[in-house]
Amino acid sequence: MDLRAAVELKTLLVGVPLPAEKPGLLAYAVKQHVEPQSLDALQSLPDRRYDSLDEVLEDLVHTYTPSRRPVRESHGTK
């Protein structure tokens, strides 16, 4: 997840009771009506206790990579 998107998600999580574990973050995000891509990012978080939203942000930036379709390579043929 890029930093901008992670910071936006962090803003949506302001108010979640901390410390929190992944299930609590997910439940709070659902109540906040976050976008499905953001829920996927939260789902990718390690199962651990988060004492601050900065810890969540750090893990989001370092662990979440959205699934993408492979890009076809051009071989120069028509």
Protein backbone atom coordinates (compact mmCIF):
# COMPACT_ATOMS: atom_id res chain seq x y z
CA MET A 1 0.00 0.00 0.00
CA ASP A 2 1.43 3.38 -0.85
CA LEU A 3 2.03 5.89 1.90
CA ARG A 4 -0.77 8.24 0.83
CA ALA A 5 -3.41 5.50 0.91
CA ALA A 6 -2.08 4.19 4.23
CA VAL A 7 -2.29 7.66 5.79
CA GLU A 8 -5.89 8.03 4.55
CA LEU A 9 -6.77 4.67 6.09
CA LYS A 10 -5.05 5.66 9.33
CA THR A 11 -7.27 8.77 9.42
CA LEU A 12 -10.37 6.60 9.07
CA LEU A 13 -9.21 4.47 12.00
CA VAL A 14 -8.90 7.43 14.39
CA GLY A 15 -11.15 6.55 17.32
CA VAL A 16 -10.51 2.81 17.34
CA PRO A 17 -9.88 1.63 20.90
CA LEU A 18 -6.18 0.93 21.34
CA PRO A 19 -4.41 -1.33 21.89
CA ALA A 20 -6.13 -3.35 19.17
CA GLU A 21 -5.55 -6.54 17.30
CA LYS A 22 -6.33 -7.12 13.62
CA PRO A 23 -9.94 -8.32 14.20
CA GLY A 24 -10.71 -5.16 16.18
CA LEU A 25 -9.20 -2.94 13.49
CA LEU A 26 -11.22 -4.73 10.82
CA ALA A 27 -14.48 -4.48 12.77
CA TYR A 28 -13.93 -0.76 13.35
CA ALA A 29 -13.08 -0.22 9.68
CA VAL A 30 -16.29 -1.95 8.60
CA LYS A 31 -18.28 0.34 10.90
CA GLN A 32 -16.49 3.32 9.29
CA HIS A 33 -17.51 2.05 5.82
CA VAL A 34 -13.96 1.99 4.47
CA GLU A 35 -13.37 0.95 0.87
CA PRO A 36 -12.95 -2.76 0.07
CA GLN A 37 -9.31 -2.23 -0.96
CA SER A 38 -8.59 -0.75 2.46
CA LEU A 39 -10.25 -3.73 4.14
CA ASP A 40 -8.03 -6.02 2.06
CA ALA A 41 -5.01 -4.07 3.26
CA LEU A 42 -6.07 -4.44 6.89
CA GLN A 43 -6.67 -8.14 6.32
CA SER A 44 -3.04 -8.47 5.20
CA LEU A 45 -1.71 -7.12 8.50
CA PRO A 46 0.21 -9.49 10.75
CA ASP A 47 -1.77 -10.98 13.62
CA ARG A 48 -0.39 -8.94 16.50
CA ARG A 49 -1.29 -6.26 18.99
CA TYR A 50 -1.11 -2.64 17.80
CA ASP A 51 -0.51 -0.05 20.48
CA SER A 52 -0.79 2.91 18.11
CA LEU A 53 -2.10 3.80 14.68
CA ASP A 54 1.47 4.62 13.68
CA GLU A 55 2.28 0.92 14.12
CA VAL A 56 -0.68 0.05 11.88
CA LEU A 57 0.51 2.57 9.29
CA GLU A 58 4.03 1.13 9.31
CA ASP A 59 2.79 -2.43 8.78
CA LEU A 60 0.39 -1.34 6.04
CA VAL A 61 3.15 0.34 4.09
CA HIS A 62 5.57 -2.57 4.52
CA THR A 63 3.33 -5.62 4.17
CA TYR A 64 0.41 -4.94 1.83
CA THR A 65 0.80 -5.45 -1.90
CA PRO A 66 -2.45 -5.57 -3.84
CA SER A 67 -2.83 -8.49 -6.21
CA ARG A 68 -2.35 -7.42 -9.77
CA ARG A 69 -2.78 -9.10 -13.09
CA PRO A 70 0.50 -9.89 -14.81
CA VAL A 71 1.44 -7.39 -17.47
CA ARG A 72 1.94 -8.94 -20.89
CA GLU A 73 5.38 -8.37 -22.25
CA SER A 74 5.75 -7.04 -25.75
CA HIS A 75 7.96 -9.23 -27.93
CA GLY A 76 8.07 -6.83 -30.84
CA THR A 77 5.84 -8.99 -33.04
CA LYS A 78 2.65 -7.87 -34.68
